[in-house]
Amino acid sequence: MNVQDQPIFASGTRGGAMYTKNRIKEMIDNGQIPVGMQCFTGDPTLIEIMGLTGFDYVMLDSEHSGNDPRAMETLIRAADSVGLTSFVRVPQATDEASIHRALEAGAMGVYLPEIDSVEDVKKAADAAFYFPKGNRGICPSVRAAHYNPETFVDYTAWNNNEIMLVPMIENPSALADLENIFAHPDVHMAVFASGDYGFSVGEGMDMLGGTKVKAAYQEVLAAGAKHNVAVVGGPVLAADPDSCREAIEAGVRVFSLGLDSVVFRSACQAMADALDEGARGTKFTRPEKKNWGFAAPRPHNRLADSNTAI
């Protein structure tokens, strides 16, 4: 019997435990809309708060942040404690060691940044899946496998069924191979990163305000609908009910709302601004505010704000 034909759940083995289904994959299949946040701070407290306030998943960044493999285990434990599904954005899409470490720490999938073609997805799949789907080396002494050699075959079957690869469409090369990328059998969810794409085509940080970015976004949404790939999106910097509804109507099926550091910054700035405004006109004053070159996000252009990755 092949590994992929064996039961997903470990049972009847001393020291065994059930491997949980991928909740985000189930939500998508059941017509529900998952929502997640990008985590750059590596703070378990913020991750717990996400889970306690209605978020379904967290994307743990290791491309632009200092989160390392040791930190990832702690962060994924925090996410597990509040029912959050964890994804890890690896530093490079074809970084085999980073893919191994993210999945062995307990992530339910990996975000694949700056892919250029379906060949990058194939390399990532080879690293993420065990025989016969991939060529990943075995090691039962890892968290995701419950540190248990006796149930390791069950773990490999579970891994091959539940782990998600999430390609990030961030440049024209990926867009040119979009049909092949979305047709890959292990791609069920994908990101259109309008910020990176805009920079790569000379439209800067205008997000979905740029002509080329808008056209690329529509291509991604159309390909997602054609291949049944859930496109991750939504008003990442400033969400309100209307902008979320617009994203749903446009074809977004998984929401990414907020970056933890930016959300905290915005909350801090809003509180300080409230006091400044409240003190104005009284006999008291507030110190002059320094211009840090950062304006708090506000819903001024729903279409332009509807990107999912910076």
C-alpha atoms as a PDB file:
ATOM      1  CA  MET A   1       0.000   0.000   0.000  1.00  0.00           C
ATOM      2  CA  ASN A   2       1.299   3.453  -0.931  1.00  0.00           C
ATOM      3  CA  VAL A   3       1.793   6.082   1.759  1.00  0.00           C
ATOM      4  CA  GLN A   4      -0.912   8.252   0.200  1.00  0.00           C
ATOM      5  CA  ASP A   5      -3.464   5.385   0.538  1.00  0.00           C
ATOM      6  CA  GLN A   6      -2.921   4.899   4.247  1.00  0.00           C
ATOM      7  CA  PRO A   7      -5.086   6.468   6.977  1.00  0.00           C
ATOM      8  CA  ILE A   8      -4.531  10.130   7.720  1.00  0.00           C
ATOM      9  CA  PHE A   9      -5.070   9.731  11.445  1.00  0.00           C
ATOM     10  CA  ALA A  10      -2.862   7.806  13.817  1.00  0.00           C
ATOM     11  CA  SER A  11      -4.860   5.450  16.010  1.00  0.00           C
ATOM     12  CA  GLY A  12      -4.477   2.326  18.069  1.00  0.00           C
ATOM     13  CA  THR A  13      -0.796   3.004  18.715  1.00  0.00           C
ATOM     14  CA  ARG A  14       0.576   3.654  22.151  1.00  0.00           C
ATOM     15  CA  GLY A  15       1.746   7.256  22.353  1.00  0.00           C
ATOM     16  CA  GLY A  16      -0.073   8.115  19.128  1.00  0.00           C
ATOM     17  CA  ALA A  17      -2.297  11.159  18.643  1.00  0.00           C
ATOM     18  CA  MET A  18      -4.662  12.338  15.987  1.00  0.00           C
ATOM     19  CA  TYR A  19      -3.341  14.603  13.283  1.00  0.00           C
ATOM     20  CA  THR A  20      -5.794  17.431  12.721  1.00  0.00           C
ATOM     21  CA  LYS A  21      -7.291  18.316   9.365  1.00  0.00           C
ATOM     22  CA  ASN A  22      -6.214  21.559   7.703  1.00  0.00           C
ATOM     23  CA  ARG A  23      -8.964  23.910   8.867  1.00  0.00           C
ATOM     24  CA  ILE A  24      -8.320  26.538   6.188  1.00  0.00           C
ATOM     25  CA  LYS A  25      -8.586  23.979   3.416  1.00  0.00           C
ATOM     26  CA  GLU A  26     -11.843  22.723   4.959  1.00  0.00           C
ATOM     27  CA  MET A  27     -13.257  26.243   5.283  1.00  0.00           C
ATOM     28  CA  ILE A  28     -12.535  26.954   1.625  1.00  0.00           C
ATOM     29  CA  ASP A  29     -14.122  23.656   0.556  1.00  0.00           C
ATOM     30  CA  ASN A  30     -17.215  24.442   2.670  1.00  0.00           C
ATOM     31  CA  GLY A  31     -17.725  27.921   1.223  1.00  0.00           C
ATOM     32  CA  GLN A  32     -16.542  29.760   4.322  1.00  0.00           C
ATOM     33  CA  ILE A  33     -14.196  32.757   4.182  1.00  0.00           C
ATOM     34  CA  PRO A  34     -11.068  32.434   6.339  1.00  0.00           C
ATOM     35  CA  VAL A  35      -9.343  35.541   7.663  1.00  0.00           C
ATOM     36  CA  GLY A  36      -5.748  35.844   8.778  1.00  0.00           C
ATOM     37  CA  MET A  37      -3.065  38.352   9.660  1.00  0.00           C
ATOM     38  CA  GLN A  38       0.597  38.647   8.755  1.00  0.00           C
ATOM     39  CA  CYS A  39       2.952  38.344  11.739  1.00  0.00           C
ATOM     40  CA  PHE A  40       6.304  40.119  11.593  1.00  0.00           C
ATOM     41  CA  THR A  41       6.946  40.786  15.295  1.00  0.00           C
ATOM     42  CA  GLY A  42       7.326  37.174  16.382  1.00  0.00           C
ATOM     43  CA  ASP A  43       5.297  37.950  19.506  1.00  0.00           C
ATOM     44  CA  PRO A  44       3.266  34.989  20.879  1.00  0.00           C
ATOM     45  CA  THR A  45       0.977  37.365  22.788  1.00  0.00           C
ATOM     46  CA  LEU A  46      -0.174  39.070  19.607  1.00  0.00           C
ATOM     47  CA  ILE A  47      -0.726  35.685  17.988  1.00  0.00           C
ATOM     48  CA  GLU A  48      -2.890  34.576  20.915  1.00  0.00           C
ATOM     49  CA  ILE A  49      -4.908  37.796  20.607  1.00  0.00           C
ATOM     50  CA  MET A  50      -5.500  37.098  16.907  1.00  0.00           C
ATOM     51  CA  GLY A  51      -6.947  33.708  17.765  1.00  0.00           C
ATOM     52  CA  LEU A  52      -9.087  35.116  20.562  1.00  0.00           C
ATOM     53  CA  THR A  53     -10.628  37.807  18.347  1.00  0.00           C
ATOM     54  CA  GLY A  54     -11.938  35.762  15.434  1.00  0.00           C
ATOM     55  CA  PHE A  55      -8.967  35.225  13.115  1.00  0.00           C
ATOM     56  CA  ASP A  56      -8.621  31.792  11.526  1.00  0.00           C
ATOM     57  CA  TYR A  57      -4.959  31.703  10.498  1.00  0.00           C
ATOM     58  CA  VAL A  58      -1.677  33.529  10.885  1.00  0.00           C
ATOM     59  CA  MET A  59       1.049  33.963   8.285  1.00  0.00           C
ATOM     60  CA  LEU A  60       4.383  33.883  10.109  1.00  0.00           C
ATOM     61  CA  ASP A  61       6.953  35.797   8.115  1.00  0.00           C
ATOM     62  CA  SER A  62      10.566  34.685   7.779  1.00  0.00           C
ATOM     63  CA  GLU A  63      11.317  36.545   4.541  1.00  0.00           C
ATOM     64  CA  HIS A  64      11.395  40.115   5.881  1.00  0.00           C
ATOM     65  CA  SER A  65      11.622  39.540   9.640  1.00  0.00           C
ATOM     66  CA  GLY A  66      13.997  38.042  12.166  1.00  0.00           C
ATOM     67  CA  ASN A  67      11.820  34.988  12.860  1.00  0.00           C
ATOM     68  CA  ASP A  68      14.124  31.953  12.803  1.00  0.00           C
ATOM     69  CA  PRO A  69      13.376  28.193  12.937  1.00  0.00           C
ATOM     70  CA  ARG A  70      13.596  28.068  16.743  1.00  0.00           C
ATOM     71  CA  ALA A  71      11.198  30.991  17.071  1.00  0.00           C
ATOM     72  CA  MET A  72       8.764  29.372  14.651  1.00  0.00           C
ATOM     73  CA  GLU A  73       8.080  26.433  16.960  1.00  0.00           C
ATOM     74  CA  THR A  74       7.159  28.794  19.801  1.00  0.00           C
ATOM     75  CA  LEU A  75       4.931  30.893  17.540  1.00  0.00           C
ATOM     76  CA  ILE A  76       3.165  27.853  16.093  1.00  0.00           C
ATOM     77  CA  ARG A  77       2.556  26.505  19.606  1.00  0.00           C
ATOM     78  CA  ALA A  78       0.960  29.841  20.508  1.00  0.00           C
ATOM     79  CA  ALA A  79      -1.212  29.667  17.395  1.00  0.00           C
ATOM     80  CA  ASP A  80      -2.235  26.082  18.140  1.00  0.00           C
ATOM     81  CA  SER A  81      -3.278  27.069  21.663  1.00  0.00           C
ATOM     82  CA  VAL A  82      -5.977  29.400  20.311  1.00  0.00           C
ATOM     83  CA  GLY A  83      -7.037  27.409  17.260  1.00  0.00           C
ATOM     84  CA  LEU A  84      -5.137  29.423  14.646  1.00  0.00           C
ATOM     85  CA  THR A  85      -3.848  27.623  11.564  1.00  0.00           C
ATOM     86  CA  SER A  86      -0.212  28.529  10.914  1.00  0.00           C
ATOM     87  CA  PHE A  87       1.457  29.251   7.608  1.00  0.00           C
ATOM     88  CA  VAL A  88       5.107  30.244   7.249  1.00  0.00           C
ATOM     89  CA  ARG A  89       6.426  32.484   4.507  1.00  0.00           C
ATOM     90  CA  VAL A  90       9.824  30.991   3.804  1.00  0.00           C
ATOM     91  CA  PRO A  91      12.751  33.237   2.767  1.00  0.00           C
ATOM     92  CA  GLN A  92      12.832  31.767  -0.748  1.00  0.00           C
ATOM     93  CA  ALA A  93      10.339  29.590  -2.576  1.00  0.00           C
ATOM     94  CA  THR A  94      12.922  26.916  -3.344  1.00  0.00           C
ATOM     95  CA  ASP A  95      14.688  26.993   0.039  1.00  0.00           C
ATOM     96  CA  GLU A  96      14.406  23.293   0.858  1.00  0.00           C
ATOM     97  CA  ALA A  97      15.749  23.542   4.410  1.00  0.00           C
ATOM     98  CA  SER A  98      13.373  26.375   5.359  1.00  0.00           C
ATOM     99  CA  ILE A  99      10.397  24.460   3.969  1.00  0.00           C
ATOM    100  CA  HIS A 100      11.402  21.372   5.989  1.00  0.00           C
ATOM    101  CA  ARG A 101      11.822  23.362   9.189  1.00  0.00           C
ATOM    102  CA  ALA A 102       8.539  25.239   8.844  1.00  0.00           C
ATOM    103  CA  LEU A 103       6.531  22.070   8.288  1.00  0.00           C
ATOM    104  CA  GLU A 104       8.378  20.076  10.934  1.00  0.00           C
ATOM    105  CA  ALA A 105       7.632  22.846  13.437  1.00  0.00           C
ATOM    106  CA  GLY A 106       3.928  22.290  12.770  1.00  0.00           C
ATOM    107  CA  ALA A 107       2.941  24.781  10.071  1.00  0.00           C
ATOM    108  CA  MET A 108       0.014  23.716   7.894  1.00  0.00           C
ATOM    109  CA  GLY A 109       1.547  25.233   4.798  1.00  0.00           C
ATOM    110  CA  VAL A 110       4.174  27.515   3.340  1.00  0.00           C
ATOM    111  CA  TYR A 111       3.920  30.771   1.429  1.00  0.00           C
ATOM    112  CA  LEU A 112       6.291  30.774  -1.550  1.00  0.00           C
ATOM    113  CA  PRO A 113       7.582  34.290  -2.277  1.00  0.00           C
ATOM    114  CA  GLU A 114       8.838  35.635  -5.613  1.00  0.00           C
ATOM    115  CA  ILE A 115       8.177  32.540  -7.656  1.00  0.00           C
ATOM    116  CA  ASP A 116       9.019  32.873 -11.358  1.00  0.00           C
ATOM    117  CA  SER A 117       7.270  29.821 -12.799  1.00  0.00           C
ATOM    118  CA  VAL A 118       5.597  26.524 -12.028  1.00  0.00           C
ATOM    119  CA  GLU A 119       9.088  25.015 -11.815  1.00  0.00           C
ATOM    120  CA  ASP A 120       9.555  26.837  -8.499  1.00  0.00           C
ATOM    121  CA  VAL A 121       6.304  25.326  -7.220  1.00  0.00           C
ATOM    122  CA  LYS A 122       7.459  21.863  -8.300  1.00  0.00           C
ATOM    123  CA  LYS A 123      10.731  22.301  -6.388  1.00  0.00           C
ATOM    124  CA  ALA A 124       8.829  23.437  -3.299  1.00  0.00           C
ATOM    125  CA  ALA A 125       6.450  20.460  -3.586  1.00  0.00           C
ATOM    126  CA  ASP A 126       9.398  18.106  -3.828  1.00  0.00           C
ATOM    127  CA  ALA A 127      10.686  19.563  -0.542  1.00  0.00           C
ATOM    128  CA  ALA A 128       7.304  19.671   1.208  1.00  0.00           C
ATOM    129  CA  PHE A 129       5.915  16.215   0.435  1.00  0.00           C
ATOM    130  CA  TYR A 130       7.064  12.681   1.107  1.00  0.00           C
ATOM    131  CA  PHE A 131       7.235   9.826  -1.397  1.00  0.00           C
ATOM    132  CA  PRO A 132       5.335   9.294  -3.653  1.00  0.00           C
ATOM    133  CA  LYS A 133       4.342  12.982  -3.986  1.00  0.00           C
ATOM    134  CA  GLY A 134       7.765  14.424  -3.213  1.00  0.00           C
ATOM    135  CA  ASN A 135      11.273  13.655  -2.153  1.00  0.00           C
ATOM    136  CA  ARG A 136      11.375  14.979   1.415  1.00  0.00           C
ATOM    137  CA  GLY A 137      13.739  13.202   3.775  1.00  0.00           C
ATOM    138  CA  ILE A 138      12.270  11.539   6.848  1.00  0.00           C
ATOM    139  CA  CYS A 139      12.833  12.426  10.488  1.00  0.00           C
ATOM    140  CA  PRO A 140      10.391  11.282  13.197  1.00  0.00           C
ATOM    141  CA  SER A 141      12.058  13.377  15.901  1.00  0.00           C
ATOM    142  CA  VAL A 142      10.135  16.557  15.049  1.00  0.00           C
ATOM    143  CA  ARG A 143       7.171  18.352  16.571  1.00  0.00           C
ATOM    144  CA  ALA A 144       4.801  17.891  13.636  1.00  0.00           C
ATOM    145  CA  ALA A 145       5.300  14.102  13.771  1.00  0.00           C
ATOM    146  CA  HIS A 146       4.692  14.081  17.547  1.00  0.00           C
ATOM    147  CA  TYR A 147       8.283  12.865  18.044  1.00  0.00           C
ATOM    148  CA  ASN A 148       7.000   9.351  17.414  1.00  0.00           C
ATOM    149  CA  PRO A 149       8.686   6.831  15.067  1.00  0.00           C
ATOM    150  CA  GLU A 150       5.811   4.372  15.550  1.00  0.00           C
ATOM    151  CA  THR A 151       3.263   6.675  13.912  1.00  0.00           C
ATOM    152  CA  PHE A 152       5.588   8.357  11.436  1.00  0.00           C
ATOM    153  CA  VAL A 153       4.064   6.642   8.392  1.00  0.00           C
ATOM    154  CA  ASP A 154       0.669   8.012   9.452  1.00  0.00           C
ATOM    155  CA  TYR A 155       2.248  11.445   9.724  1.00  0.00           C
ATOM    156  CA  THR A 156       3.654  11.288   6.185  1.00  0.00           C
ATOM    157  CA  ALA A 157       0.226  10.348   4.816  1.00  0.00           C
ATOM    158  CA  TRP A 158      -1.349  13.217   6.746  1.00  0.00           C
ATOM    159  CA  ASN A 159       1.330  15.641   5.520  1.00  0.00           C
ATOM    160  CA  ASN A 160       0.777  14.661   1.879  1.00  0.00           C
ATOM    161  CA  ASN A 161      -2.978  15.238   2.221  1.00  0.00           C
ATOM    162  CA  GLU A 162      -3.147  18.373   4.351  1.00  0.00           C
ATOM    163  CA  ILE A 163      -0.115  20.602   3.725  1.00  0.00           C
ATOM    164  CA  MET A 164      -0.755  23.602   1.473  1.00  0.00           C
ATOM    165  CA  LEU A 165       1.629  25.365  -0.890  1.00  0.00           C
ATOM    166  CA  VAL A 166       0.736  29.039  -1.395  1.00  0.00           C
ATOM    167  CA  PRO A 167       2.540  30.644  -4.342  1.00  0.00           C
ATOM    168  CA  MET A 168       2.876  34.421  -4.281  1.00  0.00           C
ATOM    169  CA  ILE A 169       2.398  36.154  -7.630  1.00  0.00           C
ATOM    170  CA  GLU A 170       4.762  39.106  -7.283  1.00  0.00           C
ATOM    171  CA  ASN A 171       6.362  39.667 -10.692  1.00  0.00           C
ATOM    172  CA  PRO A 172       5.628  39.500 -14.445  1.00  0.00           C
ATOM    173  CA  SER A 173       7.460  36.170 -14.813  1.00  0.00           C
ATOM    174  CA  ALA A 174       5.009  34.456 -12.466  1.00  0.00           C
ATOM    175  CA  LEU A 175       2.063  36.141 -14.183  1.00  0.00           C
ATOM    176  CA  ALA A 176       3.269  34.850 -17.548  1.00  0.00           C
ATOM    177  CA  ASP A 177       3.161  31.270 -16.221  1.00  0.00           C
ATOM    178  CA  LEU A 178      -0.014  31.771 -14.177  1.00  0.00           C
ATOM    179  CA  GLU A 179      -2.048  29.043 -15.916  1.00  0.00           C
ATOM    180  CA  ASN A 180       0.571  26.397 -15.183  1.00  0.00           C
ATOM    181  CA  ILE A 181       1.078  27.584 -11.605  1.00  0.00           C
ATOM    182  CA  PHE A 182      -2.639  27.468 -10.795  1.00  0.00           C
ATOM    183  CA  ALA A 183      -3.052  24.129 -12.577  1.00  0.00           C
ATOM    184  CA  HIS A 184      -0.493  22.484 -10.293  1.00  0.00           C
ATOM    185  CA  PRO A 185      -2.376  19.843  -8.251  1.00  0.00           C
ATOM    186  CA  ASP A 186      -0.970  21.025  -4.913  1.00  0.00           C
ATOM    187  CA  VAL A 187      -1.930  24.694  -5.363  1.00  0.00           C
ATOM    188  CA  HIS A 188      -5.267  25.379  -3.661  1.00  0.00           C
ATOM    189  CA  MET A 189      -4.578  28.930  -2.486  1.00  0.00           C
ATOM    190  CA  ALA A 190      -2.469  31.772  -3.900  1.00  0.00           C
ATOM    191  CA  VAL A 191      -1.548  35.373  -3.168  1.00  0.00           C
ATOM    192  CA  PHE A 192      -1.409  38.339  -5.517  1.00  0.00           C
ATOM    193  CA  ALA A 193       1.099  40.703  -3.921  1.00  0.00           C
ATOM    194  CA  SER A 194       0.179  44.018  -5.492  1.00  0.00           C
ATOM    195  CA  GLY A 195       2.898  45.935  -3.645  1.00  0.00           C
ATOM    196  CA  ASP A 196       5.756  43.826  -4.984  1.00  0.00           C
ATOM    197  CA  TYR A 197       4.147  43.502  -8.401  1.00  0.00           C
ATOM    198  CA  GLY A 198       3.701  47.259  -8.632  1.00  0.00           C
ATOM    199  CA  PHE A 199       7.376  47.840  -7.881  1.00  0.00           C
ATOM    200  CA  SER A 200       8.410  45.241 -10.442  1.00  0.00           C
ATOM    201  CA  VAL A 201       6.471  47.029 -13.220  1.00  0.00           C
ATOM    202  CA  GLY A 202       7.395  50.579 -12.234  1.00  0.00           C
ATOM    203  CA  GLU A 203       4.133  51.571 -10.503  1.00  0.00           C
ATOM    204  CA  GLY A 204       5.594  51.881  -7.002  1.00  0.00           C
ATOM    205  CA  MET A 205       3.428  51.553  -3.895  1.00  0.00           C
ATOM    206  CA  ASP A 206       0.172  52.551  -5.586  1.00  0.00           C
ATOM    207  CA  MET A 207      -1.060  49.032  -4.834  1.00  0.00           C
ATOM    208  CA  LEU A 208      -4.130  48.337  -6.976  1.00  0.00           C
ATOM    209  CA  GLY A 209      -4.233  51.922  -8.182  1.00  0.00           C
ATOM    210  CA  GLY A 210      -1.769  51.237 -10.991  1.00  0.00           C
ATOM    211  CA  THR A 211      -3.015  50.285 -14.460  1.00  0.00           C
ATOM    212  CA  LYS A 212      -0.656  47.327 -14.872  1.00  0.00           C
ATOM    213  CA  VAL A 213      -1.331  46.063 -11.349  1.00  0.00           C
ATOM    214  CA  LYS A 214      -5.104  46.230 -11.860  1.00  0.00           C
ATOM    215  CA  ALA A 215      -4.830  44.208 -15.054  1.00  0.00           C
ATOM    216  CA  ALA A 216      -2.600  41.600 -13.385  1.00  0.00           C
ATOM    217  CA  TYR A 217      -4.996  41.353 -10.425  1.00  0.00           C
ATOM    218  CA  GLN A 218      -7.896  40.590 -12.752  1.00  0.00           C
ATOM    219  CA  GLU A 219      -5.830  37.887 -14.460  1.00  0.00           C
ATOM    220  CA  VAL A 220      -5.098  36.280 -11.104  1.00  0.00           C
ATOM    221  CA  LEU A 221      -8.751  36.369 -10.028  1.00  0.00           C
ATOM    222  CA  ALA A 222      -9.874  34.873 -13.347  1.00  0.00           C
ATOM    223  CA  ALA A 223      -7.277  32.103 -13.168  1.00  0.00           C
ATOM    224  CA  GLY A 224      -8.273  31.389  -9.580  1.00  0.00           C
ATOM    225  CA  ALA A 225     -11.916  30.958 -10.572  1.00  0.00           C
ATOM    226  CA  LYS A 226     -10.944  28.757 -13.536  1.00  0.00           C
ATOM    227  CA  HIS A 227      -8.680  26.423 -11.551  1.00  0.00           C
ATOM    228  CA  ASN A 228     -10.582  26.532  -8.230  1.00  0.00           C
ATOM    229  CA  VAL A 229      -7.652  28.236  -6.489  1.00  0.00           C
ATOM    230  CA  ALA A 230      -8.659  30.499  -3.599  1.00  0.00           C
ATOM    231  CA  VAL A 231      -7.112  33.942  -4.069  1.00  0.00           C
ATOM    232  CA  VAL A 232      -5.923  35.622  -0.880  1.00  0.00           C
ATOM    233  CA  GLY A 233      -6.694  39.335  -0.687  1.00  0.00           C
ATOM    234  CA  GLY A 234      -8.793  42.023   0.937  1.00  0.00           C
ATOM    235  CA  PRO A 235      -8.174  45.529   2.294  1.00  0.00           C
ATOM    236  CA  VAL A 236      -5.028  44.631   4.222  1.00  0.00           C
ATOM    237  CA  LEU A 237      -4.251  48.085   5.602  1.00  0.00           C
ATOM    238  CA  ALA A 238      -7.697  49.492   6.373  1.00  0.00           C
ATOM    239  CA  ALA A 239     -10.684  47.153   6.451  1.00  0.00           C
ATOM    240  CA  ASP A 240     -14.321  48.156   6.702  1.00  0.00           C
ATOM    241  CA  PRO A 241     -17.498  46.209   5.827  1.00  0.00           C
ATOM    242  CA  ASP A 242     -17.909  47.825   2.415  1.00  0.00           C
ATOM    243  CA  SER A 243     -14.315  47.199   1.308  1.00  0.00           C
ATOM    244  CA  CYS A 244     -14.509  43.595   2.488  1.00  0.00           C
ATOM    245  CA  ARG A 245     -17.770  43.071   0.588  1.00  0.00           C
ATOM    246  CA  GLU A 246     -16.216  44.562  -2.548  1.00  0.00           C
ATOM    247  CA  ALA A 247     -13.289  42.162  -2.283  1.00  0.00           C
ATOM    248  CA  ILE A 248     -15.650  39.193  -1.922  1.00  0.00           C
ATOM    249  CA  GLU A 249     -17.629  40.314  -4.964  1.00  0.00           C
ATOM    250  CA  ALA A 250     -14.372  40.697  -6.911  1.00  0.00           C
ATOM    251  CA  GLY A 251     -13.493  37.061  -6.232  1.00  0.00           C
ATOM    252  CA  VAL A 252     -11.338  37.055  -3.078  1.00  0.00           C
ATOM    253  CA  ARG A 253     -11.899  33.827  -1.128  1.00  0.00           C
ATOM    254  CA  VAL A 254      -9.357  34.108   1.699  1.00  0.00           C
ATOM    255  CA  PHE A 255      -8.806  37.378   3.547  1.00  0.00           C
ATOM    256  CA  SER A 256      -5.520  38.752   4.826  1.00  0.00           C
ATOM    257  CA  LEU A 257      -6.271  41.721   7.068  1.00  0.00           C
ATOM    258  CA  GLY A 258      -3.447  43.560   8.763  1.00  0.00           C
ATOM    259  CA  LEU A 259       0.235  43.222   9.575  1.00  0.00           C
ATOM    260  CA  ASP A 260       0.689  42.867  13.325  1.00  0.00           C
ATOM    261  CA  SER A 261       3.317  45.605  13.622  1.00  0.00           C
ATOM    262  CA  VAL A 262       1.315  48.025  11.468  1.00  0.00           C
ATOM    263  CA  VAL A 263      -1.934  47.253  13.295  1.00  0.00           C
ATOM    264  CA  PHE A 264      -0.280  47.976  16.640  1.00  0.00           C
ATOM    265  CA  ARG A 265       1.320  51.125  15.268  1.00  0.00           C
ATOM    266  CA  SER A 266      -2.025  52.341  13.940  1.00  0.00           C
ATOM    267  CA  ALA A 267      -3.732  51.669  17.289  1.00  0.00           C
ATOM    268  CA  CYS A 268      -1.004  53.546  19.181  1.00  0.00           C
ATOM    269  CA  GLN A 269      -1.130  56.462  16.788  1.00  0.00           C
ATOM    270  CA  ALA A 270      -4.931  56.660  16.935  1.00  0.00           C
ATOM    271  CA  MET A 271      -4.838  56.832  20.749  1.00  0.00           C
ATOM    272  CA  ALA A 272      -2.178  59.535  20.767  1.00  0.00           C
ATOM    273  CA  ASP A 273      -4.080  61.477  18.098  1.00  0.00           C
ATOM    274  CA  ALA A 274      -7.277  61.222  20.175  1.00  0.00           C
ATOM    275  CA  LEU A 275      -5.587  62.807  23.170  1.00  0.00           C
ATOM    276  CA  ASP A 276      -4.039  65.541  21.019  1.00  0.00           C
ATOM    277  CA  GLU A 277      -7.475  66.386  19.649  1.00  0.00           C
ATOM    278  CA  GLY A 278      -9.129  66.197  23.045  1.00  0.00           C
ATOM    279  CA  ALA A 279      -6.575  68.533  24.661  1.00  0.00           C
ATOM    280  CA  ARG A 280      -6.935  71.124  21.928  1.00  0.00           C
ATOM    281  CA  GLY A 281      -8.850  74.147  23.220  1.00  0.00           C
ATOM    282  CA  THR A 282      -8.212  73.385  26.893  1.00  0.00           C
ATOM    283  CA  LYS A 283      -5.693  75.134  29.125  1.00  0.00           C
ATOM    284  CA  PHE A 284      -3.356  72.174  28.712  1.00  0.00           C
ATOM    285  CA  THR A 285      -1.092  71.378  25.824  1.00  0.00           C
ATOM    286  CA  ARG A 286       0.538  68.357  24.292  1.00  0.00           C
ATOM    287  CA  PRO A 287       4.136  68.152  23.054  1.00  0.00           C
ATOM    288  CA  GLU A 288       4.545  68.821  19.366  1.00  0.00           C
ATOM    289  CA  LYS A 289       4.342  65.547  17.506  1.00  0.00           C
ATOM    290  CA  LYS A 290       7.336  64.453  15.509  1.00  0.00           C
ATOM    291  CA  ASN A 291       6.808  63.590  11.882  1.00  0.00           C
ATOM    292  CA  TRP A 292       7.974  60.002  11.577  1.00  0.00           C
ATOM    293  CA  GLY A 293       7.049  59.806   7.915  1.00  0.00           C
ATOM    294  CA  PHE A 294       4.206  57.391   8.595  1.00  0.00           C
ATOM    295  CA  ALA A 295       0.542  58.170   8.169  1.00  0.00           C
ATOM    296  CA  ALA A 296      -1.966  55.955   9.933  1.00  0.00           C
ATOM    297  CA  PRO A 297      -3.848  53.848   7.357  1.00  0.00           C
ATOM    298  CA  ARG A 298      -7.374  55.005   6.698  1.00  0.00           C
ATOM    299  CA  PRO A 299     -10.017  53.795   4.223  1.00  0.00           C
ATOM    300  CA  HIS A 300      -9.710  56.474   1.549  1.00  0.00           C
ATOM    301  CA  ASN A 301      -9.489  54.337  -1.591  1.00  0.00           C
ATOM    302  CA  ARG A 302     -10.925  50.888  -1.157  1.00  0.00           C
ATOM    303  CA  LEU A 303      -9.682  49.549  -4.451  1.00  0.00           C
ATOM    304  CA  ALA A 304      -6.149  50.854  -3.962  1.00  0.00           C
ATOM    305  CA  ASP A 305      -6.011  49.499  -0.412  1.00  0.00           C
ATOM    306  CA  SER A 306      -7.138  46.001  -1.397  1.00  0.00           C
ATOM    307  CA  ASN A 307      -3.813  44.263  -1.526  1.00  0.00           C
ATOM    308  CA  THR A 308      -2.685  41.369   0.600  1.00  0.00           C
ATOM    309  CA  ALA A 309       1.092  41.452   0.848  1.00  0.00           C
ATOM    310  CA  ILE A 310       3.632  44.228   1.205  1.00  0.00           C
END
